[in-house]
Amino acid sequence: MKPIIYLRGNGGAGIGWGHISRLLALREILKPEFAVIMAVPLASIPLLQRAGLSASDFLQVPESDNPDFALDFAGAYCFGNILVLDGYTFDAAYRESAMKAGFRLVLIDDFAHGDLRCDLLINHAPASETLYGRHTEIGRCCCGTDYAMLRQEFYGPLPEYPRDANTVLVSMGGADPADLSFSLLNELISSFPELKWHLVITSSFSEEHIRKLQLLQIANPGIALHRDLDVHAMRMLMLRCQWAILASSTVVMEAWASGLYPAALCYTDNQLNLFRGAIARNMAFGFDIREISASFRAYLSGLHKPLTRYPEWNPPEKLRIEFRALAA
């Protein structure tokens, strides 16, 4: 009998939806071969429901800034099953308790520091293969874009139709707590009036931030706001836009997988490794948030040689191979 795979993560207005989005992608990859259950607090359940999950697909765990393994999985049969953790609040005590209970432990990591004891570690940031040489406590590492956890739409073939000229996709993540969406557009719309801007926002943006963006849109017809896009709509937007300015998260890899060469910016520590790796591998242009107009003008110059997707790129199968081995 194959083990159950529990995907434990957190998401919400304060921390964004990156962890939950990665776990949803991993669920999609693993579900054809395994029983997969999402384990999330109440605040994250609406995103699961929007993704089409039903009550039988997830386990509600307590809402806490300091999760307790015993409370999260009280009554669950752990021995021989697999627990995947994606988040920054699952400390060493939580992970040790999980392994003592009999879980085979998988960590999805962004930082590459601290005690990372686990059976399998995944970091899909470009060039992350170089980050874990000293971490002998890790059973096995799966690093780099060969293990990209994306929704299935992003692995599809690239269309041959032309992109819409002079269009820019802007996405600063699921919550954008620093209100960067407004700061970027407010400056760029006046410096580059010939461009059409497609800004992706979510209901997790603050009400004040959304109000400012709506007023900016009213004053500037060249701005289109796209709210709470599903994965298909996001993929189509990436296939049609000519350029993109993106936060350094999985969305950069989705854009690259959609044939875009995005401008990536970094504004939090957890984005740093992906930001550096994407630039090092020529998957993205390094955008300097301190020099918005100058940085965007350099990006538009087109003097880049971006890395293109290679035909045999197949992260879902590579990930399934690793989980088959872990389950054996």
C-alpha atoms as a PDB file:
ATOM      1  CA  MET A   1       0.000   0.000   0.000  1.00  0.00           C
ATOM      2  CA  LYS A   2       1.384   3.394  -0.977  1.00  0.00           C
ATOM      3  CA  PRO A   3       1.873   5.968   1.791  1.00  0.00           C
ATOM      4  CA  ILE A   4      -0.319   9.019   2.254  1.00  0.00           C
ATOM      5  CA  ILE A   5       1.440  12.297   1.481  1.00  0.00           C
ATOM      6  CA  TYR A   6       0.495  15.232   3.715  1.00  0.00           C
ATOM      7  CA  LEU A   7       1.322  18.705   2.362  1.00  0.00           C
ATOM      8  CA  ARG A   8       1.566  21.133   5.300  1.00  0.00           C
ATOM      9  CA  GLY A   9       1.798  24.858   4.643  1.00  0.00           C
ATOM     10  CA  ASN A  10       0.483  28.291   5.601  1.00  0.00           C
ATOM     11  CA  GLY A  11      -0.863  31.193   3.574  1.00  0.00           C
ATOM     12  CA  GLY A  12      -2.810  34.389   4.038  1.00  0.00           C
ATOM     13  CA  ALA A  13      -2.873  38.143   3.709  1.00  0.00           C
ATOM     14  CA  GLY A  14       0.153  38.655   5.948  1.00  0.00           C
ATOM     15  CA  ILE A  15       2.534  36.109   4.412  1.00  0.00           C
ATOM     16  CA  GLY A  16       1.100  35.728   0.922  1.00  0.00           C
ATOM     17  CA  TRP A  17       0.194  32.545  -0.904  1.00  0.00           C
ATOM     18  CA  GLY A  18       3.551  31.318  -2.194  1.00  0.00           C
ATOM     19  CA  HIS A  19       3.803  28.297   0.104  1.00  0.00           C
ATOM     20  CA  ILE A  20       0.263  27.140  -0.602  1.00  0.00           C
ATOM     21  CA  SER A  21       0.681  27.671  -4.346  1.00  0.00           C
ATOM     22  CA  ARG A  22       3.805  25.501  -4.400  1.00  0.00           C
ATOM     23  CA  LEU A  23       2.047  22.773  -2.455  1.00  0.00           C
ATOM     24  CA  LEU A  24      -0.940  22.894  -4.802  1.00  0.00           C
ATOM     25  CA  ALA A  25       1.445  22.421  -7.712  1.00  0.00           C
ATOM     26  CA  LEU A  26       3.170  19.508  -5.962  1.00  0.00           C
ATOM     27  CA  ARG A  27      -0.225  17.973  -5.175  1.00  0.00           C
ATOM     28  CA  GLU A  28      -1.133  18.133  -8.865  1.00  0.00           C
ATOM     29  CA  ILE A  29       2.141  16.395  -9.760  1.00  0.00           C
ATOM     30  CA  LEU A  30       1.842  13.612  -7.165  1.00  0.00           C
ATOM     31  CA  LYS A  31      -1.904  12.944  -7.149  1.00  0.00           C
ATOM     32  CA  PRO A  32      -1.909  10.529 -10.129  1.00  0.00           C
ATOM     33  CA  GLU A  33       0.192   8.083  -8.084  1.00  0.00           C
ATOM     34  CA  PHE A  34      -0.398   8.899  -4.398  1.00  0.00           C
ATOM     35  CA  ALA A  35      -3.105   9.792  -1.911  1.00  0.00           C
ATOM     36  CA  VAL A  36      -2.379  13.471  -1.171  1.00  0.00           C
ATOM     37  CA  ILE A  37      -3.922  15.542   1.617  1.00  0.00           C
ATOM     38  CA  MET A  38      -3.339  19.263   2.134  1.00  0.00           C
ATOM     39  CA  ALA A  39      -2.926  20.226   5.817  1.00  0.00           C
ATOM     40  CA  VAL A  40      -3.610  23.948   6.263  1.00  0.00           C
ATOM     41  CA  PRO A  41      -5.182  26.408   8.746  1.00  0.00           C
ATOM     42  CA  LEU A  42      -8.578  27.975   8.187  1.00  0.00           C
ATOM     43  CA  ALA A  43      -7.206  31.130   6.518  1.00  0.00           C
ATOM     44  CA  SER A  44      -5.744  29.043   3.680  1.00  0.00           C
ATOM     45  CA  ILE A  45      -8.851  27.015   2.882  1.00  0.00           C
ATOM     46  CA  PRO A  46     -10.479  29.595   0.522  1.00  0.00           C
ATOM     47  CA  LEU A  47      -7.489  29.322  -1.825  1.00  0.00           C
ATOM     48  CA  LEU A  48      -7.827  25.532  -1.868  1.00  0.00           C
ATOM     49  CA  GLN A  49     -11.512  25.838  -2.649  1.00  0.00           C
ATOM     50  CA  ARG A  50     -10.819  28.269  -5.496  1.00  0.00           C
ATOM     51  CA  ALA A  51      -8.383  25.674  -6.842  1.00  0.00           C
ATOM     52  CA  GLY A  52     -11.204  23.110  -6.932  1.00  0.00           C
ATOM     53  CA  LEU A  53     -10.401  21.081  -3.806  1.00  0.00           C
ATOM     54  CA  SER A  54     -13.217  19.602  -1.753  1.00  0.00           C
ATOM     55  CA  ALA A  55     -13.386  18.958   2.003  1.00  0.00           C
ATOM     56  CA  SER A  56     -12.026  15.432   1.567  1.00  0.00           C
ATOM     57  CA  ASP A  57      -8.848  16.827  -0.005  1.00  0.00           C
ATOM     58  CA  PHE A  58      -7.619  18.756   3.013  1.00  0.00           C
ATOM     59  CA  LEU A  59      -7.098  18.551   6.765  1.00  0.00           C
ATOM     60  CA  GLN A  60      -7.737  21.715   8.775  1.00  0.00           C
ATOM     61  CA  VAL A  61      -5.014  22.332  11.367  1.00  0.00           C
ATOM     62  CA  PRO A  62      -4.958  24.942  14.155  1.00  0.00           C
ATOM     63  CA  GLU A  63      -4.201  28.558  13.302  1.00  0.00           C
ATOM     64  CA  SER A  64      -0.864  29.413  14.955  1.00  0.00           C
ATOM     65  CA  ASP A  65       2.296  31.441  14.417  1.00  0.00           C
ATOM     66  CA  ASN A  66       4.154  28.608  16.183  1.00  0.00           C
ATOM     67  CA  PRO A  67       2.690  25.361  14.874  1.00  0.00           C
ATOM     68  CA  ASP A  68       2.722  22.341  17.171  1.00  0.00           C
ATOM     69  CA  PHE A  69       3.158  18.979  15.470  1.00  0.00           C
ATOM     70  CA  ALA A  70       1.177  17.128  18.129  1.00  0.00           C
ATOM     71  CA  LEU A  71      -1.818  19.438  17.599  1.00  0.00           C
ATOM     72  CA  ASP A  72      -1.547  19.439  13.803  1.00  0.00           C
ATOM     73  CA  PHE A  73      -1.572  15.667  13.465  1.00  0.00           C
ATOM     74  CA  ALA A  74      -3.367  14.478  16.596  1.00  0.00           C
ATOM     75  CA  GLY A  75      -4.922  11.114  15.778  1.00  0.00           C
ATOM     76  CA  ALA A  76      -3.230  10.824  12.380  1.00  0.00           C
ATOM     77  CA  TYR A  77      -1.374   7.633  11.516  1.00  0.00           C
ATOM     78  CA  CYS A  78       2.140   8.846  10.740  1.00  0.00           C
ATOM     79  CA  PHE A  79       4.368   5.789  10.495  1.00  0.00           C
ATOM     80  CA  GLY A  80       5.510   5.176   6.936  1.00  0.00           C
ATOM     81  CA  ASN A  81       3.606   8.154   5.544  1.00  0.00           C
ATOM     82  CA  ILE A  82       5.240  11.259   4.056  1.00  0.00           C
ATOM     83  CA  LEU A  83       5.033  14.809   5.397  1.00  0.00           C
ATOM     84  CA  VAL A  84       6.002  17.753   3.182  1.00  0.00           C
ATOM     85  CA  LEU A  85       6.591  21.075   4.960  1.00  0.00           C
ATOM     86  CA  ASP A  86       6.579  24.419   3.144  1.00  0.00           C
ATOM     87  CA  GLY A  87       6.849  27.428   5.452  1.00  0.00           C
ATOM     88  CA  TYR A  88       9.138  29.292   7.821  1.00  0.00           C
ATOM     89  CA  THR A  89       7.445  28.471  11.141  1.00  0.00           C
ATOM     90  CA  PHE A  90       8.135  24.729  11.245  1.00  0.00           C
ATOM     91  CA  ASP A  91      11.085  24.732  13.613  1.00  0.00           C
ATOM     92  CA  ALA A  92      13.543  21.961  14.475  1.00  0.00           C
ATOM     93  CA  ALA A  93      11.302  20.698  17.289  1.00  0.00           C
ATOM     94  CA  TYR A  94       8.350  20.372  14.911  1.00  0.00           C
ATOM     95  CA  ARG A  95      10.430  18.519  12.333  1.00  0.00           C
ATOM     96  CA  GLU A  96      12.034  16.236  14.927  1.00  0.00           C
ATOM     97  CA  SER A  97       8.606  15.336  16.328  1.00  0.00           C
ATOM     98  CA  ALA A  98       7.389  14.495  12.826  1.00  0.00           C
ATOM     99  CA  MET A  99      10.302  12.152  12.178  1.00  0.00           C
ATOM    100  CA  LYS A 100      10.012  10.513  15.612  1.00  0.00           C
ATOM    101  CA  ALA A 101       6.327   9.869  14.904  1.00  0.00           C
ATOM    102  CA  GLY A 102       7.360   7.904  11.830  1.00  0.00           C
ATOM    103  CA  PHE A 103       6.880  10.419   9.019  1.00  0.00           C
ATOM    104  CA  ARG A 104       9.342  10.473   6.157  1.00  0.00           C
ATOM    105  CA  LEU A 105      10.096  14.176   6.047  1.00  0.00           C
ATOM    106  CA  VAL A 106      10.363  16.427   2.983  1.00  0.00           C
ATOM    107  CA  LEU A 107      11.348  20.096   3.332  1.00  0.00           C
ATOM    108  CA  ILE A 108      10.695  22.738   0.690  1.00  0.00           C
ATOM    109  CA  ASP A 109      13.365  25.328   1.396  1.00  0.00           C
ATOM    110  CA  ASP A 110      14.295  28.849   0.272  1.00  0.00           C
ATOM    111  CA  PHE A 111      17.129  29.885   2.599  1.00  0.00           C
ATOM    112  CA  ALA A 112      19.735  27.087   2.774  1.00  0.00           C
ATOM    113  CA  HIS A 113      20.752  27.817   6.362  1.00  0.00           C
ATOM    114  CA  GLY A 114      20.174  26.324   9.796  1.00  0.00           C
ATOM    115  CA  ASP A 115      19.517  22.695  10.663  1.00  0.00           C
ATOM    116  CA  LEU A 116      17.741  21.153   7.663  1.00  0.00           C
ATOM    117  CA  ARG A 117      17.555  17.537   8.831  1.00  0.00           C
ATOM    118  CA  CYS A 118      15.127  15.677   6.588  1.00  0.00           C
ATOM    119  CA  ASP A 119      14.847  12.719   4.231  1.00  0.00           C
ATOM    120  CA  LEU A 120      14.419  14.864   1.120  1.00  0.00           C
ATOM    121  CA  LEU A 121      14.905  18.584   0.498  1.00  0.00           C
ATOM    122  CA  ILE A 122      13.511  20.481  -2.492  1.00  0.00           C
ATOM    123  CA  ASN A 123      14.608  23.955  -3.568  1.00  0.00           C
ATOM    124  CA  HIS A 124      13.495  24.687  -7.110  1.00  0.00           C
ATOM    125  CA  ALA A 125      15.248  28.061  -7.364  1.00  0.00           C
ATOM    126  CA  PRO A 126      17.623  28.333 -10.334  1.00  0.00           C
ATOM    127  CA  ALA A 127      21.238  27.515  -9.422  1.00  0.00           C
ATOM    128  CA  SER A 128      20.243  26.293  -5.935  1.00  0.00           C
ATOM    129  CA  GLU A 129      22.305  23.141  -6.573  1.00  0.00           C
ATOM    130  CA  THR A 130      25.298  24.991  -5.123  1.00  0.00           C
ATOM    131  CA  LEU A 131      23.723  25.932  -1.779  1.00  0.00           C
ATOM    132  CA  TYR A 132      23.690  22.710   0.242  1.00  0.00           C
ATOM    133  CA  GLY A 133      27.205  21.246   0.047  1.00  0.00           C
ATOM    134  CA  ARG A 134      27.811  21.583   3.805  1.00  0.00           C
ATOM    135  CA  HIS A 135      24.420  20.275   4.890  1.00  0.00           C
ATOM    136  CA  THR A 136      25.315  16.650   5.547  1.00  0.00           C
ATOM    137  CA  GLU A 137      22.184  16.211   7.668  1.00  0.00           C
ATOM    138  CA  ILE A 138      19.989  16.162   4.534  1.00  0.00           C
ATOM    139  CA  GLY A 139      19.158  12.732   3.143  1.00  0.00           C
ATOM    140  CA  ARG A 140      18.865  13.839  -0.468  1.00  0.00           C
ATOM    141  CA  CYS A 141      18.667  17.218  -2.246  1.00  0.00           C
ATOM    142  CA  CYS A 142      16.545  17.963  -5.312  1.00  0.00           C
ATOM    143  CA  CYS A 143      17.577  21.427  -6.416  1.00  0.00           C
ATOM    144  CA  GLY A 144      17.210  23.696  -9.417  1.00  0.00           C
ATOM    145  CA  THR A 145      14.674  24.112 -12.187  1.00  0.00           C
ATOM    146  CA  ASP A 146      14.713  20.392 -13.015  1.00  0.00           C
ATOM    147  CA  TYR A 147      12.484  20.072  -9.940  1.00  0.00           C
ATOM    148  CA  ALA A 148      10.281  23.123 -10.582  1.00  0.00           C
ATOM    149  CA  MET A 149       6.951  22.841  -8.758  1.00  0.00           C
ATOM    150  CA  LEU A 150       4.573  24.528 -11.188  1.00  0.00           C
ATOM    151  CA  ARG A 151       0.954  23.930 -12.107  1.00  0.00           C
ATOM    152  CA  GLN A 152       0.567  21.635 -15.113  1.00  0.00           C
ATOM    153  CA  GLU A 153      -0.398  24.464 -17.486  1.00  0.00           C
ATOM    154  CA  PHE A 154       3.145  25.830 -17.297  1.00  0.00           C
ATOM    155  CA  TYR A 155       4.752  22.643 -18.585  1.00  0.00           C
ATOM    156  CA  GLY A 156       2.818  22.793 -21.844  1.00  0.00           C
ATOM    157  CA  PRO A 157       4.221  23.711 -25.257  1.00  0.00           C
ATOM    158  CA  LEU A 158       4.725  27.354 -26.146  1.00  0.00           C
ATOM    159  CA  PRO A 159       2.333  28.712 -28.779  1.00  0.00           C
ATOM    160  CA  GLU A 160       3.593  30.106 -32.041  1.00  0.00           C
ATOM    161  CA  TYR A 161       1.306  33.143 -32.232  1.00  0.00           C
ATOM    162  CA  PRO A 162       2.901  36.579 -31.674  1.00  0.00           C
ATOM    163  CA  ARG A 163       2.715  38.344 -28.345  1.00  0.00           C
ATOM    164  CA  ASP A 164       0.762  41.567 -27.912  1.00  0.00           C
ATOM    165  CA  ALA A 165       3.169  44.426 -28.609  1.00  0.00           C
ATOM    166  CA  ASN A 166       4.022  46.927 -25.888  1.00  0.00           C
ATOM    167  CA  THR A 167       2.358  44.965 -23.086  1.00  0.00           C
ATOM    168  CA  VAL A 168       3.833  44.523 -19.598  1.00  0.00           C
ATOM    169  CA  LEU A 169       2.708  42.033 -16.967  1.00  0.00           C
ATOM    170  CA  VAL A 170       3.242  43.183 -13.369  1.00  0.00           C
ATOM    171  CA  SER A 171       2.861  40.841 -10.382  1.00  0.00           C
ATOM    172  CA  MET A 172       4.224  41.532  -6.918  1.00  0.00           C
ATOM    173  CA  GLY A 173       2.905  38.366  -5.307  1.00  0.00           C
ATOM    174  CA  GLY A 174      -0.248  37.292  -3.557  1.00  0.00           C
ATOM    175  CA  ALA A 175      -0.278  39.990  -0.860  1.00  0.00           C
ATOM    176  CA  ASP A 176       2.296  42.687  -1.807  1.00  0.00           C
ATOM    177  CA  PRO A 177       2.602  43.997   1.798  1.00  0.00           C
ATOM    178  CA  ALA A 178       5.031  46.734   0.706  1.00  0.00           C
ATOM    179  CA  ASP A 179       2.542  48.176  -1.839  1.00  0.00           C
ATOM    180  CA  LEU A 180       5.136  47.859  -4.589  1.00  0.00           C
ATOM    181  CA  SER A 181       2.483  47.460  -7.277  1.00  0.00           C
ATOM    182  CA  PHE A 182       1.403  51.057  -6.800  1.00  0.00           C
ATOM    183  CA  SER A 183       4.946  52.415  -6.460  1.00  0.00           C
ATOM    184  CA  LEU A 184       6.033  50.752  -9.702  1.00  0.00           C
ATOM    185  CA  LEU A 185       3.050  51.706 -11.820  1.00  0.00           C
ATOM    186  CA  ASN A 186       2.770  55.221 -10.459  1.00  0.00           C
ATOM    187  CA  GLU A 187       6.274  55.992 -11.758  1.00  0.00           C
ATOM    188  CA  LEU A 188       6.373  53.834 -14.885  1.00  0.00           C
ATOM    189  CA  ILE A 189       3.011  54.893 -16.317  1.00  0.00           C
ATOM    190  CA  SER A 190       4.279  58.461 -16.728  1.00  0.00           C
ATOM    191  CA  SER A 191       7.752  57.484 -17.952  1.00  0.00           C
ATOM    192  CA  PHE A 192       6.456  54.964 -20.506  1.00  0.00           C
ATOM    193  CA  PRO A 193       2.961  56.145 -21.571  1.00  0.00           C
ATOM    194  CA  GLU A 194       3.059  54.103 -24.779  1.00  0.00           C
ATOM    195  CA  LEU A 195       2.884  50.797 -22.888  1.00  0.00           C
ATOM    196  CA  LYS A 196      -0.159  48.856 -21.708  1.00  0.00           C
ATOM    197  CA  TRP A 197       0.125  47.497 -18.174  1.00  0.00           C
ATOM    198  CA  HIS A 198      -1.485  44.275 -16.956  1.00  0.00           C
ATOM    199  CA  LEU A 199      -1.372  44.277 -13.158  1.00  0.00           C
ATOM    200  CA  VAL A 200      -2.234  41.107 -11.237  1.00  0.00           C
ATOM    201  CA  ILE A 201      -3.753  41.679  -7.793  1.00  0.00           C
ATOM    202  CA  THR A 202      -5.518  39.476  -5.265  1.00  0.00           C
ATOM    203  CA  SER A 203      -8.100  39.861  -2.535  1.00  0.00           C
ATOM    204  CA  SER A 204      -5.226  39.560  -0.044  1.00  0.00           C
ATOM    205  CA  PHE A 205      -4.000  43.046  -0.997  1.00  0.00           C
ATOM    206  CA  SER A 206      -4.949  45.636   1.608  1.00  0.00           C
ATOM    207  CA  GLU A 207      -8.151  47.528   0.876  1.00  0.00           C
ATOM    208  CA  GLU A 208      -6.209  50.801   0.835  1.00  0.00           C
ATOM    209  CA  HIS A 209      -3.727  49.440  -1.709  1.00  0.00           C
ATOM    210  CA  ILE A 210      -6.516  48.183  -3.976  1.00  0.00           C
ATOM    211  CA  ARG A 211      -8.287  51.543  -3.725  1.00  0.00           C
ATOM    212  CA  LYS A 212      -5.107  53.414  -4.776  1.00  0.00           C
ATOM    213  CA  LEU A 213      -4.618  51.061  -7.710  1.00  0.00           C
ATOM    214  CA  GLN A 214      -8.216  51.478  -8.837  1.00  0.00           C
ATOM    215  CA  LEU A 215      -7.864  55.275  -8.755  1.00  0.00           C
ATOM    216  CA  LEU A 216      -4.611  54.987 -10.704  1.00  0.00           C
ATOM    217  CA  GLN A 217      -6.385  52.859 -13.291  1.00  0.00           C
ATOM    218  CA  ILE A 218      -9.207  55.398 -13.650  1.00  0.00           C
ATOM    219  CA  ALA A 219      -6.649  58.132 -14.346  1.00  0.00           C
ATOM    220  CA  ASN A 220      -4.649  55.919 -16.732  1.00  0.00           C
ATOM    221  CA  PRO A 221      -6.647  53.814 -19.243  1.00  0.00           C
ATOM    222  CA  GLY A 222      -3.433  51.973 -20.160  1.00  0.00           C
ATOM    223  CA  ILE A 223      -3.682  49.972 -16.910  1.00  0.00           C
ATOM    224  CA  ALA A 224      -5.716  46.762 -16.731  1.00  0.00           C
ATOM    225  CA  LEU A 225      -6.299  45.191 -13.307  1.00  0.00           C
ATOM    226  CA  HIS A 226      -6.634  41.398 -13.102  1.00  0.00           C
ATOM    227  CA  ARG A 227      -7.956  40.202  -9.750  1.00  0.00           C
ATOM    228  CA  ASP A 228      -7.733  36.673  -8.307  1.00  0.00           C
ATOM    229  CA  LEU A 229      -6.712  35.006 -11.568  1.00  0.00           C
ATOM    230  CA  ASP A 230      -6.901  31.247 -11.798  1.00  0.00           C
ATOM    231  CA  VAL A 231      -3.886  29.375 -13.125  1.00  0.00           C
ATOM    232  CA  HIS A 232      -5.230  29.159 -16.690  1.00  0.00           C
ATOM    233  CA  ALA A 233      -5.845  32.912 -16.901  1.00  0.00           C
ATOM    234  CA  MET A 234      -2.396  33.644 -15.483  1.00  0.00           C
ATOM    235  CA  ARG A 235      -0.774  31.333 -18.009  1.00  0.00           C
ATOM    236  CA  MET A 236      -2.645  33.000 -20.893  1.00  0.00           C
ATOM    237  CA  LEU A 237      -1.571  36.452 -19.685  1.00  0.00           C
ATOM    238  CA  MET A 238       2.040  35.298 -19.590  1.00  0.00           C
ATOM    239  CA  LEU A 239       1.751  33.902 -23.110  1.00  0.00           C
ATOM    240  CA  ARG A 240       0.387  37.173 -24.485  1.00  0.00           C
ATOM    241  CA  CYS A 241       2.480  39.862 -22.763  1.00  0.00           C
ATOM    242  CA  GLN A 242       5.749  41.031 -24.273  1.00  0.00           C
ATOM    243  CA  TRP A 243       7.494  41.938 -20.999  1.00  0.00           C
ATOM    244  CA  ALA A 244       7.022  41.361 -17.279  1.00  0.00           C
ATOM    245  CA  ILE A 245       8.078  42.826 -13.912  1.00  0.00           C
ATOM    246  CA  LEU A 246       7.759  40.181 -11.217  1.00  0.00           C
ATOM    247  CA  ALA A 247       8.570  39.535  -7.591  1.00  0.00           C
ATOM    248  CA  SER A 248      11.323  36.930  -7.233  1.00  0.00           C
ATOM    249  CA  SER A 249       9.115  33.964  -6.455  1.00  0.00           C
ATOM    250  CA  THR A 250       7.744  30.970  -8.334  1.00  0.00           C
ATOM    251  CA  VAL A 251       5.994  33.412 -10.680  1.00  0.00           C
ATOM    252  CA  VAL A 252       9.414  34.169 -12.249  1.00  0.00           C
ATOM    253  CA  MET A 253       9.779  30.489 -13.129  1.00  0.00           C
ATOM    254  CA  GLU A 254       6.227  30.367 -14.460  1.00  0.00           C
ATOM    255  CA  ALA A 255       7.040  33.306 -16.716  1.00  0.00           C
ATOM    256  CA  TRP A 256      10.249  31.661 -17.942  1.00  0.00           C
ATOM    257  CA  ALA A 257       8.314  28.443 -18.602  1.00  0.00           C
ATOM    258  CA  SER A 258       5.874  30.577 -20.640  1.00  0.00           C
ATOM    259  CA  GLY A 259       8.634  31.931 -22.865  1.00  0.00           C
ATOM    260  CA  LEU A 260       9.005  35.295 -21.114  1.00  0.00           C
ATOM    261  CA  TYR A 261      12.264  36.890 -20.018  1.00  0.00           C
ATOM    262  CA  PRO A 262      10.993  38.806 -16.971  1.00  0.00           C
ATOM    263  CA  ALA A 263      12.515  41.584 -14.922  1.00  0.00           C
ATOM    264  CA  ALA A 264      12.764  40.183 -11.389  1.00  0.00           C
ATOM    265  CA  LEU A 265      13.004  42.259  -8.243  1.00  0.00           C
ATOM    266  CA  CYS A 266      13.911  41.202  -4.726  1.00  0.00           C
ATOM    267  CA  TYR A 267      12.528  42.872  -1.615  1.00  0.00           C
ATOM    268  CA  THR A 268      12.565  40.135   1.076  1.00  0.00           C
ATOM    269  CA  ASP A 269      15.208  37.694   2.299  1.00  0.00           C
ATOM    270  CA  ASN A 270      13.291  34.624   1.199  1.00  0.00           C
ATOM    271  CA  GLN A 271      13.423  35.840  -2.435  1.00  0.00           C
ATOM    272  CA  LEU A 272      17.184  36.356  -2.521  1.00  0.00           C
ATOM    273  CA  ASN A 273      18.366  32.911  -3.666  1.00  0.00           C
ATOM    274  CA  LEU A 274      15.796  32.700  -6.452  1.00  0.00           C
ATOM    275  CA  PHE A 275      16.607  36.265  -7.527  1.00  0.00           C
ATOM    276  CA  ARG A 276      20.342  35.579  -7.721  1.00  0.00           C
ATOM    277  CA  GLY A 277      19.881  32.202  -9.372  1.00  0.00           C
ATOM    278  CA  ALA A 278      17.487  33.463 -12.047  1.00  0.00           C
ATOM    279  CA  ILE A 279      19.925  36.225 -12.994  1.00  0.00           C
ATOM    280  CA  ALA A 280      22.929  33.871 -12.934  1.00  0.00           C
ATOM    281  CA  ARG A 281      21.152  31.437 -15.268  1.00  0.00           C
ATOM    282  CA  ASN A 282      19.899  34.230 -17.579  1.00  0.00           C
ATOM    283  CA  MET A 283      16.289  33.376 -16.792  1.00  0.00           C
ATOM    284  CA  ALA A 284      15.512  36.921 -15.627  1.00  0.00           C
ATOM    285  CA  PHE A 285      16.810  40.498 -15.662  1.00  0.00           C
ATOM    286  CA  GLY A 286      17.810  41.948 -12.288  1.00  0.00           C
ATOM    287  CA  PHE A 287      15.477  44.871 -11.571  1.00  0.00           C
ATOM    288  CA  ASP A 288      16.672  47.531  -9.118  1.00  0.00           C
ATOM    289  CA  ILE A 289      13.701  48.807  -7.129  1.00  0.00           C
ATOM    290  CA  ARG A 290      15.742  51.874  -6.093  1.00  0.00           C
ATOM    291  CA  GLU A 291      16.009  53.010  -9.727  1.00  0.00           C
ATOM    292  CA  ILE A 292      12.628  52.103 -11.179  1.00  0.00           C
ATOM    293  CA  SER A 293      12.612  53.997 -14.487  1.00  0.00           C
ATOM    294  CA  ALA A 294      16.317  53.514 -15.231  1.00  0.00           C
ATOM    295  CA  SER A 295      16.150  49.818 -14.433  1.00  0.00           C
ATOM    296  CA  PHE A 296      13.084  49.295 -16.605  1.00  0.00           C
ATOM    297  CA  ARG A 297      14.679  51.211 -19.475  1.00  0.00           C
ATOM    298  CA  ALA A 298      17.734  48.929 -19.260  1.00  0.00           C
ATOM    299  CA  TYR A 299      15.417  45.897 -19.284  1.00  0.00           C
ATOM    300  CA  LEU A 300      13.640  47.141 -22.421  1.00  0.00           C
ATOM    301  CA  SER A 301      16.943  47.651 -24.239  1.00  0.00           C
ATOM    302  CA  GLY A 302      16.801  44.020 -25.299  1.00  0.00           C
ATOM    303  CA  LEU A 303      20.555  43.478 -24.985  1.00  0.00           C
ATOM    304  CA  HIS A 304      20.059  40.136 -23.258  1.00  0.00           C
ATOM    305  CA  LYS A 305      20.546  36.483 -24.162  1.00  0.00           C
ATOM    306  CA  PRO A 306      17.894  34.726 -22.085  1.00  0.00           C
ATOM    307  CA  LEU A 307      17.981  31.022 -21.375  1.00  0.00           C
ATOM    308  CA  THR A 308      15.270  29.176 -23.301  1.00  0.00           C
ATOM    309  CA  ARG A 309      13.431  26.069 -22.189  1.00  0.00           C
ATOM    310  CA  TYR A 310      14.982  22.860 -23.441  1.00  0.00           C
ATOM    311  CA  PRO A 311      12.609  20.325 -25.042  1.00  0.00           C
ATOM    312  CA  GLU A 312      13.248  17.477 -22.603  1.00  0.00           C
ATOM    313  CA  TRP A 313      12.468  19.613 -19.523  1.00  0.00           C
ATOM    314  CA  ASN A 314      10.158  17.436 -17.386  1.00  0.00           C
ATOM    315  CA  PRO A 315      10.195  18.347 -13.655  1.00  0.00           C
ATOM    316  CA  PRO A 316       6.956  16.459 -12.790  1.00  0.00           C
ATOM    317  CA  GLU A 317       8.490  13.113 -13.698  1.00  0.00           C
ATOM    318  CA  LYS A 318      11.722  13.894 -11.828  1.00  0.00           C
ATOM    319  CA  LEU A 319       9.713  14.764  -8.714  1.00  0.00           C
ATOM    320  CA  ARG A 320       7.571  11.634  -8.990  1.00  0.00           C
ATOM    321  CA  ILE A 321      10.735   9.505  -9.249  1.00  0.00           C
ATOM    322  CA  GLU A 322      12.010  10.997  -5.977  1.00  0.00           C
ATOM    323  CA  PHE A 323       8.735  10.395  -4.169  1.00  0.00           C
ATOM    324  CA  ARG A 324       8.506   6.839  -5.494  1.00  0.00           C
ATOM    325  CA  ALA A 325      11.956   6.187  -4.026  1.00  0.00           C
ATOM    326  CA  LEU A 326      10.974   7.802  -0.718  1.00  0.00           C
ATOM    327  CA  ALA A 327       7.798   5.714  -0.565  1.00  0.00           C
ATOM    328  CA  ALA A 328       9.558   2.402  -1.306  1.00  0.00           C
END
